[in-house]
Amino acid sequence: MIKDICFIIIGFILLIIGADALVKGSSNLAKKFHIPEVIIGLTIVCIGTSMPELIITITSAARGYTDLIVGNVIGSNLCNILLILGIAAILKPVKVDKDIKNIHLPIALLSTLFILFIGNLSIGSGKYIIGRSEGFILLLLFSIYFSYPIIIAVKDIIKVEHQKRKPRQDISVITSTLLIIIGILMLKYGGDFVVDGCENIALTFGISQRVIGLTIVAIGTSLPELVTTIIATIKKDTNIAIGNLVGSCMLNSLLIIGVGAVITPLVFSIEFNINLVILAIALLSVWLFSNTGKKETITGANGLILLLMFLVYFVRLFIE
């Protein structure tokens, strides 16, 4: 128990330092080439902070822990939208980029409903499964979706060059890249330490694999997003923060479940349905918040509502 607690503390330290390095490097790179920060958040940052989910998915699939994979994805997305965005909005109102509001949030909602659909579509060995064919479809959708911000980034760079706006000379590309790599590595190992410690403690008390996936592992693997978002918000890089969260949700739904299903068919527990419905409601709520009241902004009051929703969701898991 003491060993696990020490691992958790070390993990948190790595997460904080790694998140700071990742945000600093990403922000500098965006400024260097005049790339919108939201694009950096949707690509480099979200991929970096989602590394723990990807590593856990590959490991879990190889060991046959399929409940853990799906539960981790759903739980992580709920943490991103309800817990992390809620905290960020309370710290500082989050400005929602127009592309996030009009394109990425609706697509995130559709991808959640798609997971709900395919999870209840196929039955194998008397159980609902997400098979390899569905996994390949998800990976194809991932490739199509994530090509969009990359194309936009390339267009912005070409536009900058056309306007003869040279990259800023005061920011080193090598230093920024090293900060990003170091940040991702520290987030990965920090997340591993926290998750392993928490999981060992949970197993000691006999908590089920599904609940572990939806709660402890989900929160643990969302720690990179949490720390990165808080630091980005404090540093007023809110476009990186919101891009990171929405991008991570899409990456989790399409890439993580896709990779897991291709490695081995994933058992889809019927209990996941209600959690996916809650996730869909959460995404719809964020979209509504960004279109009402103070337009294109998630306010502190909105953040408090998201946190209350997360609390209700979290408590419900342990009283089922």
Protein backbone atom coordinates (compact mmCIF):
# COMPACT_ATOMS: atom_id res chain seq x y z
CA MET A 1 0.00 0.00 0.00
CA ILE A 2 2.81 2.45 0.94
CA LYS A 3 4.65 1.56 -2.29
CA ASP A 4 1.51 2.30 -4.34
CA ILE A 5 1.02 5.66 -2.61
CA CYS A 6 4.64 6.61 -3.37
CA PHE A 7 4.12 5.71 -7.04
CA ILE A 8 1.00 7.89 -7.12
CA ILE A 9 2.89 10.88 -5.66
CA ILE A 10 5.79 10.46 -8.12
CA GLY A 11 3.25 10.12 -10.93
CA PHE A 12 1.56 13.41 -10.05
CA ILE A 13 4.93 15.20 -9.99
CA LEU A 14 5.78 13.85 -13.46
CA LEU A 15 2.33 14.83 -14.74
CA ILE A 16 2.64 18.43 -13.56
CA ILE A 17 6.16 18.92 -14.96
CA GLY A 18 5.30 17.07 -18.19
CA ALA A 19 2.12 19.06 -18.79
CA ASP A 20 3.97 22.34 -18.32
CA ALA A 21 6.64 21.26 -20.82
CA LEU A 22 4.05 20.07 -23.37
CA VAL A 23 1.99 23.27 -23.20
CA LYS A 24 5.07 25.49 -23.39
CA GLY A 25 6.55 23.59 -26.33
CA SER A 26 3.25 23.41 -28.22
CA SER A 27 2.42 27.06 -27.65
CA ASN A 28 5.89 28.13 -28.79
CA LEU A 29 5.61 25.99 -31.92
CA ALA A 30 2.23 27.55 -32.74
CA LYS A 31 3.66 31.06 -32.34
CA LYS A 32 6.77 30.17 -34.34
CA PHE A 33 4.84 29.22 -37.48
CA HIS A 34 1.71 31.32 -36.80
CA ILE A 35 -0.46 28.17 -36.50
CA PRO A 36 -3.76 28.63 -34.60
CA GLU A 37 -3.38 27.24 -31.08
CA VAL A 38 -6.65 25.31 -31.41
CA ILE A 39 -5.07 23.26 -34.24
CA ILE A 40 -2.08 22.45 -32.03
CA GLY A 41 -4.50 21.42 -29.28
CA LEU A 42 -6.46 19.18 -31.66
CA THR A 43 -3.34 17.40 -32.90
CA ILE A 44 -0.01 17.40 -31.04
CA VAL A 45 -1.35 18.08 -27.54
CA CYS A 46 -4.36 15.74 -27.68
CA ILE A 47 -2.27 12.89 -29.12
CA GLY A 48 0.39 13.43 -26.48
CA THR A 49 -2.04 13.52 -23.57
CA SER A 50 -3.91 10.47 -24.92
CA MET A 51 -0.80 8.28 -24.89
CA PRO A 52 -1.77 6.66 -21.53
CA GLU A 53 -5.14 5.54 -22.96
CA LEU A 54 -3.44 4.11 -26.06
CA ILE A 55 -0.80 2.22 -24.06
CA ILE A 56 -3.40 0.84 -21.66
CA THR A 57 -5.62 -0.20 -24.61
CA ILE A 58 -2.84 -2.17 -26.30
CA THR A 59 -1.81 -3.82 -23.02
CA SER A 60 -5.40 -4.58 -21.99
CA ALA A 61 -6.30 -5.98 -25.42
CA ALA A 62 -3.28 -8.27 -25.37
CA ARG A 63 -4.37 -9.57 -21.95
CA GLY A 64 -8.06 -9.83 -22.86
CA TYR A 65 -9.28 -7.12 -20.47
CA THR A 66 -11.82 -5.75 -22.97
CA ASP A 67 -14.19 -4.30 -20.35
CA LEU A 68 -11.32 -2.14 -19.17
CA ILE A 69 -10.74 -0.73 -22.68
CA VAL A 70 -14.31 0.42 -23.40
CA GLY A 71 -14.83 1.57 -19.82
CA ASN A 72 -11.59 3.54 -19.92
CA VAL A 73 -12.60 5.35 -23.14
CA ILE A 74 -16.11 6.25 -21.95
CA GLY A 75 -14.88 7.25 -18.51
CA SER A 76 -11.99 9.30 -19.91
CA ASN A 77 -14.29 11.21 -22.25
CA LEU A 78 -16.69 11.93 -19.41
CA CYS A 79 -13.76 13.16 -17.32
CA ASN A 80 -12.63 15.38 -20.20
CA ILE A 81 -16.00 17.01 -20.80
CA LEU A 82 -17.50 17.14 -17.29
CA LEU A 83 -14.61 17.18 -14.83
CA ILE A 84 -11.73 18.82 -16.69
CA LEU A 85 -13.68 21.33 -18.79
CA GLY A 86 -15.76 22.10 -15.70
CA ILE A 87 -12.66 22.89 -13.63
CA ALA A 88 -11.12 24.91 -16.48
CA ALA A 89 -14.28 27.02 -16.89
CA ILE A 90 -14.43 27.73 -13.17
CA LEU A 91 -10.78 28.84 -13.20
CA LYS A 92 -11.32 31.03 -16.25
CA PRO A 93 -14.18 31.26 -18.78
CA VAL A 94 -13.23 29.09 -21.77
CA LYS A 95 -13.59 30.69 -25.19
CA VAL A 96 -14.88 28.10 -27.68
CA ASP A 97 -13.35 28.40 -31.15
CA LYS A 98 -15.95 28.53 -33.97
CA ASP A 99 -14.55 25.37 -35.57
CA ILE A 100 -14.80 23.57 -32.21
CA LYS A 101 -18.42 24.69 -31.79
CA ASN A 102 -19.62 24.15 -35.35
CA ILE A 103 -17.56 21.14 -36.42
CA HIS A 104 -15.69 19.24 -33.72
CA LEU A 105 -18.29 19.16 -30.93
CA PRO A 106 -21.09 17.90 -33.26
CA ILE A 107 -18.71 15.26 -34.67
CA ALA A 108 -17.74 14.20 -31.13
CA LEU A 109 -21.45 13.78 -30.34
CA LEU A 110 -22.03 11.76 -33.51
CA SER A 111 -19.03 9.52 -32.78
CA THR A 112 -20.42 8.83 -29.29
CA LEU A 113 -23.79 7.84 -30.75
CA PHE A 114 -21.98 5.69 -33.34
CA ILE A 115 -20.14 3.79 -30.56
CA LEU A 116 -23.52 3.30 -28.85
CA PHE A 117 -24.94 1.94 -32.12
CA ILE A 118 -22.14 -0.51 -33.01
CA GLY A 119 -21.87 -1.63 -29.37
CA ASN A 120 -25.44 -2.93 -29.52
CA LEU A 121 -25.26 -4.22 -33.10
CA SER A 122 -23.25 -7.45 -33.09
CA ILE A 123 -23.55 -10.47 -30.82
CA GLY A 124 -20.80 -13.04 -30.43
CA SER A 125 -20.81 -15.97 -27.96
CA GLY A 126 -24.02 -14.59 -26.47
CA LYS A 127 -22.46 -11.18 -25.77
CA TYR A 128 -22.57 -7.82 -27.52
CA ILE A 129 -19.20 -7.11 -29.12
CA ILE A 130 -17.38 -4.45 -31.13
CA GLY A 131 -15.64 -6.64 -33.72
CA ARG A 132 -12.61 -6.17 -35.95
CA SER A 133 -14.68 -4.90 -38.89
CA GLU A 134 -16.13 -2.13 -36.68
CA GLY A 135 -12.60 -1.46 -35.41
CA PHE A 136 -11.32 -0.89 -38.97
CA ILE A 137 -14.27 1.45 -39.65
CA LEU A 138 -13.39 3.47 -36.54
CA LEU A 139 -9.73 3.69 -37.62
CA LEU A 140 -10.80 4.87 -41.08
CA LEU A 141 -13.02 7.55 -39.52
CA PHE A 142 -10.10 8.54 -37.27
CA SER A 143 -7.83 8.98 -40.31
CA ILE A 144 -10.43 11.11 -42.10
CA TYR A 145 -11.24 13.25 -39.06
CA PHE A 146 -7.66 13.96 -37.97
CA SER A 147 -6.56 14.81 -41.50
CA TYR A 148 -8.74 17.95 -41.29
CA PRO A 149 -6.74 19.95 -38.68
CA ILE A 150 -3.49 18.87 -40.35
CA ILE A 151 -4.70 20.20 -43.72
CA ILE A 152 -5.81 23.45 -42.06
CA ALA A 153 -2.39 23.80 -40.37
CA VAL A 154 -0.57 23.26 -43.68
CA LYS A 155 -2.80 25.83 -45.39
CA ASP A 156 -2.05 28.35 -42.63
CA ILE A 157 1.69 27.79 -43.02
CA ILE A 158 1.44 28.21 -46.81
CA LYS A 159 -0.64 31.36 -46.30
CA VAL A 160 1.97 32.76 -43.91
CA GLU A 161 4.75 32.04 -46.43
CA HIS A 162 2.69 33.62 -49.22
CA GLN A 163 2.31 36.77 -47.15
CA LYS A 164 6.08 36.64 -46.52
CA ARG A 165 5.56 36.50 -42.77
CA LYS A 166 8.69 34.73 -41.65
CA PRO A 167 8.70 32.39 -38.65
CA ARG A 168 9.57 34.16 -35.43
CA GLN A 169 13.31 33.98 -34.81
CA ASP A 170 13.12 34.25 -31.02
CA ILE A 171 11.59 30.78 -30.63
CA SER A 172 13.72 27.69 -31.22
CA VAL A 173 12.02 24.82 -33.09
CA ILE A 174 14.47 22.30 -31.60
CA THR A 175 13.82 23.50 -28.04
CA SER A 176 10.05 23.51 -28.57
CA THR A 177 10.13 20.01 -30.07
CA LEU A 178 12.28 18.69 -27.22
CA LEU A 179 9.87 20.20 -24.69
CA ILE A 180 6.94 18.46 -26.44
CA ILE A 181 8.74 15.08 -26.50
CA ILE A 182 9.89 15.36 -22.88
CA GLY A 183 6.40 16.48 -21.84
CA ILE A 184 4.72 13.53 -23.57
CA LEU A 185 7.15 11.03 -22.02
CA MET A 186 6.66 12.46 -18.53
CA LEU A 187 2.88 12.44 -18.97
CA LYS A 188 3.00 8.84 -20.15
CA TYR A 189 5.07 7.54 -17.23
CA GLY A 190 3.35 9.81 -14.73
CA GLY A 191 -0.01 8.46 -15.85
CA ASP A 192 1.30 4.88 -15.61
CA PHE A 193 2.49 5.38 -12.05
CA VAL A 194 -0.78 6.94 -10.90
CA VAL A 195 -2.98 4.36 -12.65
CA ASP A 196 -0.96 1.37 -11.45
CA GLY A 197 -0.97 2.64 -7.88
CA CYS A 198 -4.68 3.41 -7.86
CA GLU A 199 -5.59 0.15 -9.59
CA ASN A 200 -3.62 -1.93 -7.07
CA ILE A 201 -5.33 -0.17 -4.19
CA ALA A 202 -8.76 -0.65 -5.83
CA LEU A 203 -8.18 -4.34 -6.48
CA THR A 204 -7.28 -4.78 -2.84
CA PHE A 205 -10.83 -3.68 -2.00
CA GLY A 206 -12.44 -5.94 -4.65
CA ILE A 207 -13.76 -3.30 -7.08
CA SER A 208 -14.92 -4.74 -10.45
CA GLN A 209 -12.95 -4.34 -13.70
CA ARG A 210 -15.78 -2.35 -15.34
CA VAL A 211 -15.98 0.15 -12.48
CA ILE A 212 -12.18 0.40 -12.34
CA GLY A 213 -12.18 1.23 -16.06
CA LEU A 214 -14.95 3.82 -15.76
CA THR A 215 -13.49 5.52 -12.69
CA ILE A 216 -9.95 4.96 -11.45
CA VAL A 217 -8.27 4.11 -14.76
CA ALA A 218 -10.37 6.70 -16.63
CA ILE A 219 -9.50 9.47 -14.18
CA GLY A 220 -5.89 8.30 -14.02
CA THR A 221 -5.42 8.31 -17.79
CA SER A 222 -7.20 11.68 -17.98
CA LEU A 223 -4.71 13.25 -15.58
CA PRO A 224 -2.47 14.42 -18.47
CA GLU A 225 -5.47 16.22 -20.00
CA LEU A 226 -6.47 17.58 -16.58
CA VAL A 227 -3.05 18.99 -15.70
CA THR A 228 -2.38 20.18 -19.26
CA THR A 229 -5.77 21.94 -19.44
CA ILE A 230 -5.36 23.62 -16.05
CA ILE A 231 -1.86 24.86 -16.93
CA ALA A 232 -2.99 25.99 -20.40
CA THR A 233 -5.95 27.82 -18.83
CA ILE A 234 -3.77 29.53 -16.22
CA LYS A 235 -1.39 30.60 -18.99
CA LYS A 236 -4.40 31.90 -20.96
CA ASP A 237 -3.88 29.35 -23.76
CA THR A 238 -7.57 28.38 -23.63
CA ASN A 239 -7.65 27.41 -27.32
CA ILE A 240 -5.05 24.74 -26.59
CA ALA A 241 -7.15 23.62 -23.60
CA ILE A 242 -10.48 23.20 -25.42
CA GLY A 243 -8.80 21.76 -28.52
CA ASN A 244 -6.98 19.23 -26.34
CA LEU A 245 -10.18 18.05 -24.62
CA VAL A 246 -12.37 17.72 -27.72
CA GLY A 247 -9.51 16.22 -29.73
CA SER A 248 -8.83 13.68 -26.97
CA CYS A 249 -12.49 12.64 -26.94
CA MET A 250 -12.42 12.02 -30.67
CA LEU A 251 -9.11 10.18 -30.46
CA ASN A 252 -10.42 8.00 -27.63
CA SER A 253 -13.66 7.11 -29.42
CA LEU A 254 -12.15 6.42 -32.84
CA LEU A 255 -8.49 5.46 -32.40
CA ILE A 256 -8.44 3.81 -28.96
CA ILE A 257 -11.56 1.66 -29.41
CA GLY A 258 -10.58 1.06 -33.05
CA VAL A 259 -7.11 -0.23 -32.13
CA GLY A 260 -8.53 -2.35 -29.29
CA ALA A 261 -11.20 -3.92 -31.51
CA VAL A 262 -8.70 -4.72 -34.28
CA ILE A 263 -6.40 -6.47 -31.78
CA THR A 264 -9.26 -8.44 -30.21
CA PRO A 265 -13.09 -8.13 -30.38
CA LEU A 266 -14.28 -6.00 -27.47
CA VAL A 267 -17.06 -7.20 -25.19
CA PHE A 268 -19.61 -4.39 -24.85
CA SER A 269 -21.36 -4.60 -21.47
CA ILE A 270 -25.00 -3.48 -21.52
CA GLU A 271 -24.18 -1.20 -18.57
CA PHE A 272 -22.06 0.96 -20.90
CA ASN A 273 -25.22 2.20 -22.66
CA ILE A 274 -26.27 4.55 -19.87
CA ASN A 275 -22.71 5.91 -19.60
CA LEU A 276 -22.64 6.66 -23.34
CA VAL A 277 -26.02 8.40 -23.07
CA ILE A 278 -24.62 10.55 -20.23
CA LEU A 279 -21.58 11.35 -22.42
CA ALA A 280 -23.87 12.36 -25.30
CA ILE A 281 -25.83 14.63 -22.94
CA ALA A 282 -22.57 16.13 -21.67
CA LEU A 283 -21.36 16.94 -25.21
CA LEU A 284 -24.76 18.37 -26.12
CA SER A 285 -24.69 20.52 -22.96
CA VAL A 286 -21.28 21.96 -23.85
CA TRP A 287 -22.52 22.75 -27.37
CA LEU A 288 -25.63 24.45 -25.94
CA PHE A 289 -23.54 26.43 -23.44
CA SER A 290 -21.36 27.71 -26.30
CA ASN A 291 -24.47 28.85 -28.22
CA THR A 292 -26.41 30.48 -25.41
CA GLY A 293 -25.76 33.13 -22.79
CA LYS A 294 -22.31 34.57 -23.37
CA LYS A 295 -21.90 33.13 -26.86
CA GLU A 296 -18.92 30.90 -27.67
CA THR A 297 -17.88 30.86 -24.01
CA ILE A 298 -18.12 28.21 -21.30
CA THR A 299 -18.66 30.32 -18.18
CA GLY A 300 -17.90 29.57 -14.55
CA ALA A 301 -21.58 28.80 -13.94
CA ASN A 302 -21.54 26.37 -16.88
CA GLY A 303 -18.42 24.79 -15.42
CA LEU A 304 -20.16 24.29 -12.08
CA ILE A 305 -23.07 22.53 -13.83
CA LEU A 306 -20.60 20.22 -15.62
CA LEU A 307 -18.89 19.38 -12.32
CA LEU A 308 -22.22 18.60 -10.65
CA MET A 309 -23.10 16.30 -13.57
CA PHE A 310 -19.77 14.52 -13.11
CA LEU A 311 -20.39 14.10 -9.39
CA VAL A 312 -23.81 12.54 -10.04
CA TYR A 313 -22.31 10.22 -12.67
CA PHE A 314 -19.43 9.18 -10.39
CA VAL A 315 -21.62 8.50 -7.35
CA ARG A 316 -24.09 6.52 -9.45
CA LEU A 317 -21.39 4.03 -10.46
CA PHE A 318 -20.90 2.92 -6.87
CA ILE A 319 -24.58 2.64 -5.93
CA GLU A 320 -25.72 0.53 -8.91
